Protein backbone atom coordinates (compact mmCIF):
# COMPACT_ATOMS: atom_id res chain seq x y z
CA MET A 1 171.66 84.78 272.45
CA THR A 2 169.65 81.74 272.10
CA LEU A 3 166.16 81.20 271.79
CA LEU A 4 166.07 77.62 270.77
CA ALA A 5 166.60 76.24 274.31
CA HIS A 6 164.13 73.11 274.64
CA ASP A 7 160.94 74.07 275.84
CA PRO A 8 158.39 71.04 275.71
CA LEU A 9 155.42 73.31 276.78
CA LEU A 10 155.99 75.45 273.96
CA GLY A 11 153.15 74.05 271.59
CA LYS A 12 150.81 73.60 273.99
CA ARG A 13 151.17 77.26 275.03
CA MET A 14 150.48 78.09 271.49
CA ARG A 15 147.15 75.43 271.30
CA VAL A 16 146.07 76.97 274.34
CA GLN A 17 146.27 80.82 273.00
CA LEU A 18 144.90 79.59 269.75
CA GLU A 19 141.68 77.96 271.46
CA ARG A 20 141.08 81.09 273.50
CA LEU A 21 141.75 83.51 270.47
CA TYR A 22 139.60 80.77 267.83
CA PRO A 23 135.47 82.08 269.06
CA LEU A 24 136.50 86.23 268.76
CA CYS A 25 134.83 87.91 266.47
CA ARG A 26 137.47 89.95 265.02
CA SER A 27 137.46 92.47 262.61
CA MET A 28 138.95 95.98 261.25
CA SER A 29 137.88 97.04 264.57
CA GLY A 30 135.79 96.42 267.92
CA ASP A 31 135.38 94.75 270.80
CA GLY A 32 136.93 91.29 269.54
CA VAL A 33 140.33 92.98 268.22
CA ARG A 34 140.62 94.64 271.71
CA ALA A 35 139.82 90.87 273.65
CA THR A 36 142.49 89.46 271.38
CA LEU A 37 145.00 91.92 272.50
CA ASP A 38 144.08 90.96 276.12
CA VAL A 39 145.27 86.98 275.53
CA VAL A 40 148.25 88.56 274.30
CA ASP A 41 148.97 90.69 277.07
CA GLU A 42 147.87 87.80 279.44
CA SER A 43 150.05 85.40 277.40
CA VAL A 44 153.48 87.69 278.00
CA GLY A 45 152.70 88.45 281.49
CA ASP A 46 154.54 90.81 283.32
CA ARG A 47 158.09 90.21 281.10
CA ALA A 48 156.99 93.27 278.75
CA SER A 49 154.21 95.63 278.61
CA LEU A 50 151.57 95.68 275.89
CA GLU A 51 150.70 99.23 274.87
CA ARG A 52 147.11 100.30 273.32
CA ILE A 53 147.55 102.57 270.01
CA GLY A 54 144.00 103.85 269.56
CA VAL A 55 143.39 105.62 266.46
CA ALA A 56 139.74 107.54 266.31
CA SER A 57 137.26 106.84 263.36
CA GLY A 58 137.80 110.04 260.97
CA THR A 59 141.00 110.34 260.98
CA ARG A 60 143.26 110.76 258.15
CA CYS A 61 146.37 108.23 257.42
CA HIS A 62 147.43 108.74 254.28
CA ASP A 63 145.33 108.19 251.58
CA TRP A 64 142.87 106.42 253.40
CA THR A 65 140.85 107.29 256.32
CA ILE A 66 140.11 105.53 259.64
CA ASN A 67 136.75 103.23 259.60
CA ASP A 68 133.34 103.71 261.76
CA GLU A 69 134.02 101.09 264.46
CA TRP A 70 131.72 98.13 264.37
CA ASN A 71 130.56 95.43 266.90
CA VAL A 72 128.05 92.98 266.72
CA ARG A 73 126.33 91.52 269.62
CA ASP A 74 124.27 88.24 267.35
CA ALA A 75 123.12 87.27 264.05
CA TRP A 76 120.36 84.64 262.45
CA ILE A 77 118.43 83.91 259.70
CA ALA A 78 115.77 81.87 261.35
CA ASP A 79 112.70 80.18 259.36
CA ALA A 80 109.17 80.42 259.84
CA SER A 81 109.35 78.15 263.31
CA GLY A 82 111.45 80.14 264.55
CA ARG A 83 114.70 78.14 264.09
CA ARG A 84 117.98 79.18 263.41
CA VAL A 85 119.22 77.72 260.13
CA VAL A 86 121.98 80.21 260.12
CA ASP A 87 123.41 81.40 263.43
CA PHE A 88 126.18 83.76 264.24
CA ARG A 89 126.17 82.14 267.44
CA GLU A 90 127.78 78.82 266.01
CA HIS A 91 130.43 80.39 263.89
CA THR A 92 131.57 84.19 263.33
CA LEU A 93 132.33 83.31 259.91
CA HIS A 94 128.55 83.15 259.11
CA LEU A 95 128.29 86.76 259.15
CA VAL A 96 129.86 89.33 256.90
CA GLY A 97 132.17 91.17 258.37
CA TYR A 98 130.77 94.67 258.80
CA SER A 99 127.35 94.11 258.19
CA VAL A 100 124.77 96.76 259.00
CA PRO A 101 122.01 96.27 261.27
CA VAL A 102 119.08 94.55 259.87
CA ARG A 103 115.68 93.29 260.68
CA ALA A 104 113.45 91.77 257.91
CA ARG A 105 110.95 89.56 256.90
CA MET A 106 111.83 88.07 253.28
CA SER A 107 111.65 85.40 251.17
CA LEU A 108 114.49 82.95 249.97
CA ASP A 109 114.38 84.68 246.54
CA GLU A 110 115.04 88.20 248.37
CA LEU A 111 117.52 86.45 250.77
CA ARG A 112 119.92 85.02 248.03
CA PRO A 113 121.38 88.09 247.10
CA HIS A 114 122.84 88.31 250.69
CA LEU A 115 124.07 84.90 250.49
CA HIS A 116 127.38 83.76 249.96
CA THR A 117 128.62 80.19 249.79
CA LEU A 118 131.21 77.98 247.76
CA PRO A 119 129.35 75.25 245.93
CA GLU A 120 132.59 73.66 245.17
CA HIS A 121 133.56 72.72 248.99
CA PRO A 122 129.83 72.39 250.07
CA ASP A 123 130.74 71.68 253.63
CA TRP A 124 132.67 75.06 253.83
CA ILE A 125 131.82 78.55 255.05
CA PRO A 126 133.38 81.56 253.21
CA TYR A 127 134.74 84.17 254.71
CA ARG A 128 133.29 87.82 253.27
CA THR A 129 133.71 91.36 254.26
CA SER A 130 132.39 94.82 253.24
CA TYR A 131 134.77 97.33 255.03
CA TYR A 132 133.73 100.10 253.21
CA ASP A 133 130.45 99.76 251.59
CA ARG A 134 127.51 99.80 253.75
CA LYS A 135 125.93 96.39 253.01
CA TRP A 136 124.91 93.08 254.90
CA GLY A 137 125.02 89.52 254.26
CA PHE A 138 125.30 85.99 255.89
CA CYS A 139 128.23 83.26 254.57
CA LEU A 140 127.00 79.56 255.03
CA THR A 141 127.36 76.07 253.63
CA GLN A 142 126.62 75.03 250.39
CA ARG A 143 124.61 72.04 252.09
CA GLN A 144 122.79 74.67 254.48
CA LEU A 145 121.67 76.95 251.41
CA ASP A 146 120.24 73.78 249.53
CA ALA A 147 117.90 72.61 252.48
CA MET A 148 116.33 75.73 252.98
CA ASP A 149 113.15 76.41 251.32
CA ASP A 150 111.34 79.21 250.12
CA GLY A 151 110.83 80.86 253.16
CA PRO A 152 109.71 83.14 254.44
CA TYR A 153 112.67 83.93 256.73
CA ASP A 154 113.38 86.20 259.71
CA VAL A 155 117.10 88.18 259.19
CA VAL A 156 118.31 89.76 262.24
CA VAL A 157 121.48 91.60 262.40
CA ASP A 158 122.04 93.00 265.58
CA SER A 159 125.32 95.10 265.27
CA THR A 160 126.35 98.50 265.41
CA ILE A 161 128.41 100.90 262.90
CA GLY A 162 129.86 104.47 264.74
CA PRO A 163 132.08 106.56 265.33
CA GLY A 164 134.76 104.63 267.43
CA GLU A 165 138.41 103.83 267.07
CA ILE A 166 140.85 101.12 265.49
CA THR A 167 142.58 99.61 268.43
CA ILE A 168 146.71 98.49 267.94
CA GLY A 169 148.55 96.84 269.97
CA GLU A 170 152.61 97.40 270.57
CA LEU A 171 155.07 96.07 272.54
CA LEU A 172 158.44 96.56 273.08
CA VAL A 173 160.92 94.18 274.21
CA PRO A 174 164.30 96.69 274.66
CA GLY A 175 168.22 95.94 273.79
CA ASP A 176 171.42 97.36 274.13
CA SER A 177 170.91 99.28 271.22
CA GLU A 178 168.16 101.74 269.93
CA GLU A 179 168.09 100.44 266.72
CA GLU A 180 164.86 97.93 266.20
CA VAL A 181 163.56 94.44 264.53
CA LEU A 182 159.89 95.23 263.85
CA VAL A 183 157.74 92.07 264.15
CA SER A 184 154.37 92.72 262.99
CA ALA A 185 150.94 89.96 263.02
CA HIS A 186 147.29 90.65 261.34
CA THR A 187 144.50 90.93 264.04
CA CYS A 188 141.53 91.87 261.77
CA HIS A 189 140.18 88.30 260.65
CA PRO A 190 137.67 86.24 262.64
CA SER A 191 137.69 82.28 262.92
CA LEU A 192 140.84 81.97 260.75
CA VAL A 193 143.37 79.79 262.66
CA ASN A 194 146.32 79.64 260.09
CA ASP A 195 145.69 83.09 258.30
CA ASN A 196 145.56 85.34 261.48
CA LEU A 197 146.25 83.52 264.59
CA SER A 198 149.09 81.44 263.72
CA GLY A 199 151.14 84.64 263.45
CA ILE A 200 149.62 86.18 266.47
CA VAL A 201 150.52 83.36 268.76
CA VAL A 202 154.15 82.66 267.46
CA ALA A 203 154.90 86.29 268.00
CA THR A 204 153.34 86.33 271.38
CA GLU A 205 155.64 83.77 272.44
CA LEU A 206 158.66 85.21 270.51
CA ALA A 207 157.92 88.42 272.37
CA ALA A 208 157.99 86.37 275.77
CA ALA A 209 161.34 84.71 274.72
CA LEU A 210 163.27 87.25 273.87
CA ALA A 211 161.63 89.28 276.88
CA ASP A 212 163.19 86.33 279.41
CA LEU A 213 166.79 86.69 277.56
CA PRO A 214 169.46 88.59 279.98
CA ARG A 215 170.08 90.78 277.03
CA ARG A 216 169.78 91.51 273.57
CA ARG A 217 171.89 93.25 270.80
CA TYR A 218 168.65 94.91 269.16
CA SER A 219 165.13 96.18 270.50
CA TYR A 220 162.20 94.51 269.16
CA ARG A 221 158.94 95.67 268.76
CA PHE A 222 156.09 93.99 268.20
CA VAL A 223 153.43 95.40 266.32
CA PHE A 224 149.68 93.82 266.59
CA ALA A 225 147.19 95.56 263.71
CA PRO A 226 144.37 95.10 261.77
CA GLY A 227 145.19 94.47 258.15
CA VAL A 228 146.72 97.36 255.93
CA ILE A 229 145.12 100.22 257.87
CA GLY A 230 146.48 99.31 261.28
CA SER A 231 150.17 99.18 259.60
CA LEU A 232 149.70 102.41 257.91
CA ALA A 233 148.40 103.77 260.91
CA TRP A 234 151.02 103.07 263.43
CA MET A 235 153.39 104.13 260.99
CA ASP A 236 151.48 107.37 261.20
CA HIS A 237 151.51 107.38 265.09
CA ARG A 238 155.54 106.28 264.88
CA MET A 239 157.06 108.36 262.13
CA GLU A 240 159.09 109.93 264.21
CA ASP A 241 160.81 106.61 265.07
CA LEU A 242 160.65 104.60 261.92
CA HIS A 243 164.24 105.35 261.13
CA ARG A 244 165.39 102.82 264.24
CA VAL A 245 163.73 99.80 261.86
CA ARG A 246 166.91 97.85 260.54
CA HIS A 247 165.25 94.77 260.18
CA GLY A 248 161.57 93.57 259.99
CA LEU A 249 159.12 90.55 259.33
CA VAL A 250 155.59 90.31 258.95
CA LEU A 251 154.19 86.81 260.05
CA ALA A 252 151.07 85.02 258.97
CA GLY A 253 150.27 81.55 257.71
CA LEU A 254 152.72 79.49 260.21
CA GLY A 255 150.88 76.75 261.32
CA GLY A 256 149.63 74.95 258.22
CA PRO A 257 151.26 72.00 256.11
CA GLY A 258 153.88 72.97 253.62
CA PRO A 259 157.62 74.45 253.54
CA LEU A 260 158.45 77.61 254.95
CA VAL A 261 158.26 80.27 252.30
CA TYR A 262 160.25 84.20 253.23
CA LYS A 263 159.29 86.98 251.15
CA ARG A 264 162.06 89.44 250.15
CA THR A 265 161.57 92.86 250.46
CA ARG A 266 161.02 95.16 247.75
CA ARG A 267 164.93 96.11 247.42
CA ALA A 268 165.75 91.96 247.90
CA ASP A 269 169.25 93.42 249.40
CA ARG A 270 168.77 94.04 253.10
CA MET A 271 170.00 92.15 255.97
CA ILE A 272 166.56 90.66 256.74
CA ASP A 273 166.93 89.17 253.28
CA CYS A 274 170.07 87.68 253.72
CA ALA A 275 169.69 86.15 257.09
CA ALA A 276 165.98 84.99 256.04
CA ALA A 277 167.48 83.24 252.77
CA HIS A 278 170.10 81.68 254.78
CA VAL A 279 167.65 79.95 257.38
CA VAL A 280 164.95 79.21 255.19
CA GLY A 281 166.78 77.37 252.34
CA ARG A 282 168.65 75.49 255.03
CA ALA A 283 165.43 74.42 256.50
CA GLY A 284 164.33 73.22 252.62
CA GLY A 285 162.13 76.22 252.25
CA GLU A 286 161.47 78.95 249.60
CA VAL A 287 162.70 82.19 248.81
CA ARG A 288 160.42 84.47 246.82
CA ASP A 289 160.79 87.82 245.37
CA TYR A 290 159.05 90.54 246.58
CA SER A 291 155.40 91.43 244.80
CA PRO A 292 153.19 94.23 246.23
CA TYR A 293 150.23 91.92 246.83
CA GLY A 294 150.21 90.16 250.05
CA TYR A 295 149.94 90.89 254.09
CA ASP A 296 151.57 94.19 255.51
CA GLU A 297 154.44 93.61 254.10
CA ARG A 298 153.46 95.82 250.92
CA GLN A 299 152.50 98.76 253.72
CA TYR A 300 156.11 98.73 255.05
CA ASN A 301 157.62 98.45 251.91
CA SER A 302 155.81 101.39 250.17
CA LEU A 303 158.00 103.92 248.70
CA GLY A 304 157.63 106.39 251.00
CA PHE A 305 158.29 104.33 254.04
CA ASP A 306 160.89 102.13 252.41
CA LEU A 307 161.29 100.00 255.69
CA PRO A 308 163.60 96.83 255.50
CA VAL A 309 160.42 94.32 256.19
CA GLY A 310 160.00 90.92 254.78
CA ARG A 311 157.36 88.07 255.40
CA LEU A 312 157.51 84.51 256.78
CA THR A 313 154.83 82.16 256.12
CA ARG A 314 154.66 78.21 255.14
CA THR A 315 152.25 78.11 252.24
CA PRO A 316 151.11 81.66 251.19
CA HIS A 317 147.90 83.12 251.23
CA GLY A 318 145.53 82.16 248.60
CA GLU A 319 147.77 78.65 247.83
CA TYR A 320 145.67 76.38 249.57
CA PRO A 321 142.01 75.36 249.62
CA GLU A 322 141.12 76.08 253.43
CA TYR A 323 142.11 79.61 252.61
CA HIS A 324 139.36 82.27 253.83
CA THR A 325 137.11 79.81 254.61
CA SER A 326 135.65 77.64 257.85
CA ALA A 327 138.26 75.09 257.09
CA ASP A 328 141.19 76.77 258.12
CA ASP A 329 140.11 75.66 261.97
CA LEU A 330 141.89 74.52 264.92
CA GLU A 331 142.33 71.03 263.23
CA SER A 332 143.93 72.44 260.21
CA VAL A 333 147.44 73.51 262.03
CA THR A 334 149.49 71.61 264.23
CA ASP A 335 151.82 72.32 267.40
CA ASP A 336 155.09 71.37 265.39
CA GLU A 337 154.41 73.35 262.50
CA LEU A 338 153.87 76.22 264.56
CA VAL A 339 156.64 75.20 266.76
CA GLY A 340 158.70 74.79 263.83
CA SER A 341 157.50 78.30 262.60
CA PHE A 342 158.39 79.61 266.21
CA GLU A 343 161.81 77.90 265.59
CA ALA A 344 162.71 79.60 262.16
CA VAL A 345 162.54 83.29 263.54
CA GLY A 346 164.46 82.61 265.93
CA ARG A 347 167.03 81.03 264.37
CA ILE A 348 167.15 83.86 261.71
CA PHE A 349 166.92 86.63 264.55
CA GLU A 350 169.89 84.61 266.03
CA VAL A 351 171.62 85.45 262.77
CA LEU A 352 171.10 89.32 263.36
CA GLU A 353 172.26 89.19 266.87
CA GLN A 354 175.30 87.56 266.16
CA ASP A 355 176.72 88.44 262.39
CA ALA A 356 179.87 90.51 262.42
CA ALA A 357 182.95 90.90 260.63
CA TYR A 358 186.23 89.88 262.57
CA VAL A 359 189.50 90.01 262.16
CA ASN A 360 192.33 87.27 262.15
CA LEU A 361 195.19 87.73 264.47
CA SER A 362 197.44 85.00 263.04
CA PRO A 363 196.78 85.81 259.77
CA TYR A 364 200.17 83.92 258.27
CA GLY A 365 199.67 81.04 257.41
CA GLU A 366 197.37 78.39 259.69
CA PRO A 367 197.67 78.60 263.02
CA GLN A 368 197.92 75.20 265.04
CA LEU A 369 194.64 74.86 266.29
CA GLY A 370 195.39 71.73 268.26
CA LYS A 371 197.71 73.09 270.95
CA ARG A 372 194.59 75.57 271.62
CA GLY A 373 192.27 72.13 272.34
CA LEU A 374 190.31 73.29 269.33
CA TYR A 375 191.84 70.59 266.71
CA PRO A 376 190.89 66.59 266.99
CA SER A 377 193.78 65.13 268.40
CA LEU A 378 193.59 61.77 266.55
CA GLY A 379 194.20 62.49 262.79
CA GLY A 380 192.89 60.66 259.78
CA LYS A 381 189.32 61.32 260.32
CA ALA A 382 186.95 63.44 257.82
CA ALA A 383 186.61 66.67 258.88
CA THR A 384 183.31 67.66 261.15
CA ASP A 385 181.55 70.77 260.77
CA MET A 386 182.89 72.40 263.45
CA THR A 387 186.48 71.86 262.33
CA MET A 388 185.11 73.38 259.23
CA ALA A 389 183.64 76.28 260.49
CA LEU A 390 186.91 76.98 262.26
CA LEU A 391 188.97 76.77 259.14
CA TRP A 392 187.10 78.63 257.12
CA ALA A 393 186.19 81.65 259.72
CA MET A 394 190.18 81.92 260.29
CA ALA A 395 190.48 81.82 256.47
CA SER A 396 187.92 84.52 255.72
CA SER A 397 188.09 87.10 258.44
CA ASP A 398 189.91 89.57 256.89
CA GLY A 399 187.91 92.62 258.92
CA GLU A 400 185.11 92.84 256.60
CA THR A 401 183.65 89.61 255.59
CA ARG A 402 180.84 88.71 257.66
CA LEU A 403 179.68 85.49 259.41
CA LEU A 404 176.43 85.05 257.22
CA GLU A 405 178.84 85.44 254.36
CA ILE A 406 181.20 83.03 255.72
CA ALA A 407 178.28 80.44 256.36
CA GLU A 408 177.06 80.69 253.09
CA ARG A 409 180.48 80.01 250.91
CA ALA A 410 181.06 77.16 253.56
CA ASP A 411 177.78 76.00 253.08
CA LEU A 412 177.58 75.50 256.89
CA ASP A 413 174.55 76.77 259.11
CA PHE A 414 175.21 79.95 260.32
CA ALA A 415 175.04 79.25 264.18
CA VAL A 416 178.19 76.71 263.96
CA ILE A 417 180.40 79.55 262.01
CA ALA A 418 179.27 81.72 264.98
CA ALA A 419 180.04 79.25 267.71
CA ALA A 420 183.70 78.50 265.98
CA ALA A 421 184.12 82.76 265.75
CA ARG A 422 183.30 82.41 269.42
CA GLU A 423 186.09 79.62 270.37
CA LEU A 424 188.49 81.40 268.20
CA GLU A 425 187.89 85.01 269.78
CA ALA A 426 188.24 83.28 273.14
CA ALA A 427 191.23 81.89 272.11
CA ASP A 428 192.71 84.99 271.00
CA LEU A 429 193.01 84.13 267.34
CA LEU A 430 189.91 86.39 266.23
CA ALA A 431 189.17 90.24 266.99
CA ARG A 432 185.78 91.47 266.75
CA ALA A 433 186.14 93.87 263.66
CA THR A 434 182.37 95.52 263.54
CA ASP A 435 179.10 94.42 264.74
């Protein structure tokens, strides 16, 4: 299995998806989430089918209850001349998420408790929500606020909040086994590219690439859901199938600057932890311990579910200034960063697919590799990575030691060790012991 065949159009495809998704007003629920899933479905095409799971408002999910559905048609603050000084149509972040309907005339002093800015970044709009407390508000730049006079202002929030559903997208790419790799991305943020959309587009391209492979060891289940309540509702919906999840990744923040950062599972000793640490570490990234704060990995790892799900990001949430602001825009991520993140996940999946233990069929001394065409015919040169991989694989394949362990001990890429094992197996020097 390889996901890494060079695809010169990969970055361009992800950029096109970002540009389509960016203007949509996503939230915990509503038409923006469904329109986002439309784009995912179209991007995967007929290679796999995206199922939609609707969970009705009022449904109890463990300690949570599914919220009413929220949609917004328009929202603005207009001065006495009718000019919109704050306009939802210009940027979805201008409206506090889940704002209740409002039509009022107010002075600036009356408006101020409902206005949110970032004085330290006067040209940026903050991202704010009020999911479970029925409020309304606007977010604007500090420069916009400074330019406002005493008013009065006409304030309109043309929104609806009422019984509906949250919508979860689920896409299964079947493999030889019913054991699954779970890939999760959150769909609840509006126009925020790195924190939200980068995970969605990387997950979408991974699903398409996996579906194009002739076969897969594992089945891969992709979940596109609003944060917290979406993952809880999905696990509640799939409770009888969760035992199939053998490995998992939450994807977020994959398009911004900074090295890759892998966050371990709560147990810290799962196979996904070993595979991701190997790939991220050799790419110059960072591996961090688990904490119960972050994205939906904290729901998957909660004590009752205890799923083996880690998280992959670049610079994590809250650690870059653009986080949850309008500066997290289309220019804040590059195609190369997105492609690099896609390739890193692909390498992690390759480890999961190919890792196995082998038995050395010629264990008495080092076999003669040269007569099998596996050793350089001209001696005296320094050993190549492949030569060392062949030697390490033969020296370590005791029927219990897996290829990833050998790669770590040899300080070689897993892909090189796996390729060496295939060569040795073809030469009848190794035999696979386990999957």
